[in-house]
Amino acid sequence: MNIHFKPARLKAALLAAAALTCAACSTGSLFDSDVPVPTAYVIAPAPAGSITDAPVTQVDLAIGRPDFAPGLDTDRIAVLDGRKLDYYRGVRWGGRSVEVVQSMLVSSINDQQLFRSVTPEQARVANDYMLDVEVRHFEADNANGKIPEVHVMIIGRLIRVADRRLVTTVSSAAIVAASAERMSAVTAAFESAAQKVALDLARQTAVAVSADEPTLRKARGEGNEARSSNAG
């Protein structure tokens, strides 16, 4: 006996079968995927109280959202092989490098207690100074197949917020060799280099801010207020 479907019923049956097939594929991809989940790494801030030889000022400092050299603004961990920029497979930073570095700088500098407060630029807090950040290097170097060396270089432009004037430019760089050819050792070298740079920038910034405080008061008009008060 031959069974004949009407065109409308046949089309509905085919659509239902396709939907069931897609649902099964979707379920399988969610729970039975063979795609490995990338390992995420973070960078801890420099230990609190590491700086004891810098001036302390009661000013509020903002850390700008960093600008990165081309190819480095990513959540992937960059590695140079000669002049070729590549990325380690199966690993990621815990966020984009711009977020990782800014968070590390804010926490590292704040924890030194050199300023009244240290916040990210986007926190919308009124600040006396802003450190505009440029990241020139934030990569491992695997030249000649040797154990990787991590290179971190950050430039900071200290801006007086009251009159938007550039006070000074500070910069710091560090190169730290990984202890072994393992990803955990490479990211530990990233952390060590980044912390060294953060502490050096914190010290230079503290010295610059301390020297600039009289100009900051003048830009705010605080000197004029003081003279008016004395005259009265």
Protein backbone atom coordinates (compact mmCIF):
# COMPACT_ATOMS: atom_id res chain seq x y z
CA MET A 1 0.00 0.00 0.00
CA ASN A 2 1.40 3.38 -1.01
CA ILE A 3 1.16 6.27 1.42
CA HIS A 4 1.02 9.76 -0.05
CA PHE A 5 1.62 12.98 1.95
CA LYS A 6 0.08 16.21 0.91
CA PRO A 7 2.73 18.87 0.20
CA ALA A 8 1.80 20.97 3.25
CA ARG A 9 2.01 17.97 5.60
CA LEU A 10 5.28 16.83 4.07
CA LYS A 11 6.82 20.30 4.56
CA ALA A 12 5.66 20.41 8.20
CA ALA A 13 7.11 16.96 8.86
CA LEU A 14 10.48 17.93 7.38
CA LEU A 15 10.63 21.14 9.44
CA ALA A 16 9.82 19.25 12.63
CA ALA A 17 12.54 16.68 11.92
CA ALA A 18 15.07 19.44 11.23
CA ALA A 19 14.17 21.21 14.48
CA LEU A 20 14.67 18.03 16.49
CA THR A 21 18.00 17.39 14.79
CA CYS A 22 19.23 20.96 15.54
CA ALA A 23 18.09 20.67 19.16
CA ALA A 24 20.06 17.47 19.57
CA CYS A 25 23.14 19.09 17.99
CA SER A 26 22.80 22.12 20.24
CA THR A 27 22.51 20.00 23.38
CA GLY A 28 25.53 18.00 22.37
CA SER A 29 27.63 21.11 21.74
CA LEU A 30 26.80 22.48 25.19
CA PHE A 31 27.58 19.38 27.20
CA ASP A 32 29.77 17.14 25.04
CA SER A 33 32.09 19.61 23.32
CA ASP A 34 35.64 18.47 22.63
CA VAL A 35 36.83 22.09 22.31
CA PRO A 36 39.22 22.76 25.24
CA VAL A 37 38.42 25.68 27.54
CA PRO A 38 41.32 28.19 27.56
CA THR A 39 43.18 28.53 30.85
CA ALA A 40 42.85 32.09 32.22
CA TYR A 41 45.70 33.81 34.06
CA VAL A 42 45.70 36.93 36.23
CA ILE A 43 48.41 39.30 37.46
CA ALA A 44 48.50 40.11 41.17
CA PRO A 45 49.32 43.66 42.30
CA ALA A 46 52.67 44.49 43.87
CA PRO A 47 52.84 43.81 47.63
CA ALA A 48 51.54 46.63 49.81
CA GLY A 49 54.13 48.82 51.49
CA SER A 50 56.92 47.94 49.04
CA ILE A 51 57.94 51.62 48.71
CA THR A 52 59.33 53.33 51.79
CA ASP A 53 61.57 56.00 50.23
CA ALA A 54 59.06 58.21 48.39
CA PRO A 55 57.15 61.31 49.54
CA VAL A 56 53.52 60.95 50.67
CA THR A 57 50.98 63.54 49.49
CA GLN A 58 47.28 64.02 50.17
CA VAL A 59 46.20 64.16 46.55
CA ASP A 60 43.88 62.00 44.47
CA LEU A 61 45.39 60.22 41.47
CA ALA A 62 43.56 58.65 38.54
CA ILE A 63 45.11 55.96 36.33
CA GLY A 64 44.07 56.32 32.70
CA ARG A 65 42.81 53.48 30.55
CA PRO A 66 46.03 52.28 28.90
CA ASP A 67 46.81 52.61 25.20
CA PHE A 68 48.58 49.49 23.91
CA ALA A 69 51.01 48.97 21.07
CA PRO A 70 49.39 47.26 18.05
CA GLY A 71 48.69 43.58 18.57
CA LEU A 72 48.89 43.72 22.36
CA ASP A 73 45.38 45.00 23.14
CA THR A 74 43.82 41.55 23.46
CA ASP A 75 43.00 38.89 26.03
CA ARG A 76 45.55 36.60 24.36
CA ILE A 77 49.07 36.28 25.77
CA ALA A 78 51.50 37.69 23.22
CA VAL A 79 54.88 36.18 22.32
CA LEU A 80 57.51 37.40 19.88
CA ASP A 81 59.52 35.01 17.74
CA GLY A 82 62.04 37.27 16.10
CA ARG A 83 59.91 39.90 14.37
CA LYS A 84 56.82 37.67 14.28
CA LEU A 85 54.09 38.44 16.81
CA ASP A 86 52.17 35.35 17.88
CA TYR A 87 50.03 34.22 20.82
CA TYR A 88 50.24 31.23 23.15
CA ARG A 89 47.66 28.58 22.38
CA GLY A 90 44.96 27.53 24.83
CA VAL A 91 45.59 30.32 27.35
CA ARG A 92 44.14 33.75 27.96
CA TRP A 93 44.40 36.63 30.39
CA GLY A 94 41.46 36.94 32.76
CA GLY A 95 40.32 39.97 30.73
CA ARG A 96 41.62 42.15 27.95
CA SER A 97 45.18 43.30 28.56
CA VAL A 98 43.97 46.91 28.92
CA GLU A 99 41.83 45.85 31.89
CA VAL A 100 44.50 43.57 33.37
CA VAL A 101 47.20 46.26 33.31
CA GLN A 102 45.02 49.11 34.52
CA SER A 103 43.70 47.05 37.44
CA MET A 104 47.24 45.97 38.37
CA LEU A 105 48.50 49.58 38.27
CA VAL A 106 45.61 50.96 40.33
CA SER A 107 45.93 48.31 43.03
CA SER A 108 49.74 48.35 43.11
CA ILE A 109 50.03 52.15 43.39
CA ASN A 110 47.11 52.54 45.79
CA ASP A 111 48.51 49.91 48.15
CA GLN A 112 51.73 51.89 48.59
CA GLN A 113 49.79 54.60 50.48
CA LEU A 114 51.66 57.40 48.71
CA PHE A 115 48.47 59.26 47.75
CA ARG A 116 45.11 59.88 49.39
CA SER A 117 43.43 57.76 46.73
CA VAL A 118 44.22 55.99 43.47
CA THR A 119 41.33 55.12 41.17
CA PRO A 120 40.76 54.15 37.53
CA GLU A 121 39.96 57.02 35.21
CA GLN A 122 36.46 55.68 34.50
CA ALA A 123 35.52 55.71 38.21
CA ARG A 124 34.19 59.29 37.78
CA VAL A 125 35.93 60.48 40.94
CA ALA A 126 37.26 64.05 41.08
CA ASN A 127 41.05 63.82 40.97
CA ASP A 128 43.99 66.19 41.28
CA TYR A 129 46.19 64.34 38.78
CA MET A 130 45.80 61.74 36.08
CA LEU A 131 48.48 59.37 34.89
CA ASP A 132 47.85 58.82 31.19
CA VAL A 133 49.24 55.36 30.41
CA GLU A 134 50.85 53.97 27.27
CA VAL A 135 52.00 50.34 27.16
CA ARG A 136 54.87 49.86 24.68
CA HIS A 137 55.74 46.29 25.63
CA PHE A 138 53.70 43.54 27.23
CA GLU A 139 54.90 40.35 25.60
CA ALA A 140 57.17 37.35 25.99
CA ASP A 141 60.18 37.02 23.69
CA ASN A 142 61.04 33.53 22.51
CA ALA A 143 63.94 34.49 20.26
CA ASN A 144 66.21 31.63 19.18
CA GLY A 145 64.01 29.09 20.93
CA LYS A 146 65.39 29.93 24.35
CA ILE A 147 63.41 30.10 27.57
CA PRO A 148 61.10 33.13 27.12
CA GLU A 149 61.89 36.53 28.57
CA VAL A 150 59.00 38.82 29.41
CA HIS A 151 59.31 42.49 28.47
CA VAL A 152 57.04 45.10 30.06
CA MET A 153 57.41 48.81 29.32
CA ILE A 154 54.95 51.50 30.41
CA ILE A 155 55.06 55.26 29.86
CA GLY A 156 52.99 57.56 32.04
CA ARG A 157 52.17 61.19 31.35
CA LEU A 158 51.26 62.98 34.57
CA ILE A 159 48.54 65.56 33.96
CA ARG A 160 47.44 68.24 36.43
CA VAL A 161 43.65 68.09 36.18
CA ALA A 162 42.95 71.66 37.37
CA ASP A 163 44.47 73.23 34.24
CA ARG A 164 45.02 70.11 32.04
CA ARG A 165 48.77 70.76 31.95
CA LEU A 166 51.38 68.07 31.48
CA VAL A 167 53.53 67.97 34.60
CA THR A 168 56.08 65.36 33.54
CA THR A 169 56.54 62.06 31.76
CA VAL A 170 57.61 58.97 33.67
CA SER A 171 58.56 55.62 32.21
CA SER A 172 59.76 52.25 33.35
CA ALA A 173 60.73 48.96 31.77
CA ALA A 174 61.58 45.51 33.09
CA ILE A 175 62.74 42.26 31.51
CA VAL A 176 62.26 39.05 33.50
CA ALA A 177 63.21 35.58 32.29
CA ALA A 178 60.79 32.73 32.90
CA SER A 179 62.13 30.07 35.24
CA ALA A 180 61.10 27.28 32.86
CA GLU A 181 59.39 26.58 29.56
CA ARG A 182 55.98 26.30 31.19
CA MET A 183 53.04 28.63 30.86
CA SER A 184 52.79 29.07 34.62
CA ALA A 185 56.43 30.19 34.65
CA VAL A 186 55.88 32.60 31.76
CA THR A 187 52.88 34.25 33.43
CA ALA A 188 54.83 34.46 36.70
CA ALA A 189 57.51 36.37 34.77
CA PHE A 190 54.79 38.68 33.40
CA GLU A 191 53.63 39.33 36.96
CA SER A 192 57.13 40.00 38.26
CA ALA A 193 57.97 42.40 35.42
CA ALA A 194 54.65 44.23 35.68
CA GLN A 195 55.01 44.67 39.45
CA LYS A 196 58.54 46.07 39.07
CA VAL A 197 57.29 48.60 36.53
CA ALA A 198 54.27 49.56 38.65
CA LEU A 199 56.40 50.22 41.73
CA ASP A 200 58.93 52.26 39.76
CA LEU A 201 56.14 54.36 38.23
CA ALA A 202 54.57 54.84 41.66
CA ARG A 203 57.85 56.16 43.08
CA GLN A 204 58.52 58.52 40.16
CA THR A 205 54.94 59.80 40.23
CA ALA A 206 55.06 60.44 43.98
CA VAL A 207 58.22 62.51 43.60
CA ALA A 208 56.74 64.50 40.70
CA VAL A 209 53.46 65.17 42.52
CA SER A 210 55.25 66.31 45.66
CA ALA A 211 57.34 68.79 43.66
CA ASP A 212 54.25 70.06 41.80
CA GLU A 213 51.99 70.63 44.82
CA PRO A 214 52.69 74.41 45.04
CA THR A 215 51.71 74.78 41.38
CA LEU A 216 48.61 72.69 41.98
CA ARG A 217 47.50 75.01 44.78
CA LYS A 218 48.11 78.03 42.55
CA ALA A 219 46.12 76.47 39.69
CA ARG A 220 43.23 75.97 42.11
CA GLY A 221 43.45 79.56 43.29
CA GLU A 222 44.25 78.44 46.83
CA GLY A 223 47.19 80.84 47.09
CA ASN A 224 44.95 83.81 46.24
CA GLU A 225 42.41 82.72 48.85
CA ALA A 226 45.15 82.51 51.46
CA ARG A 227 46.41 86.04 50.65
CA SER A 228 42.85 87.42 50.79
CA SER A 229 42.31 85.79 54.15
CA ASN A 230 45.54 87.24 55.54
CA ALA A 231 44.68 90.71 54.18
CA GLY A 232 41.30 90.60 55.90
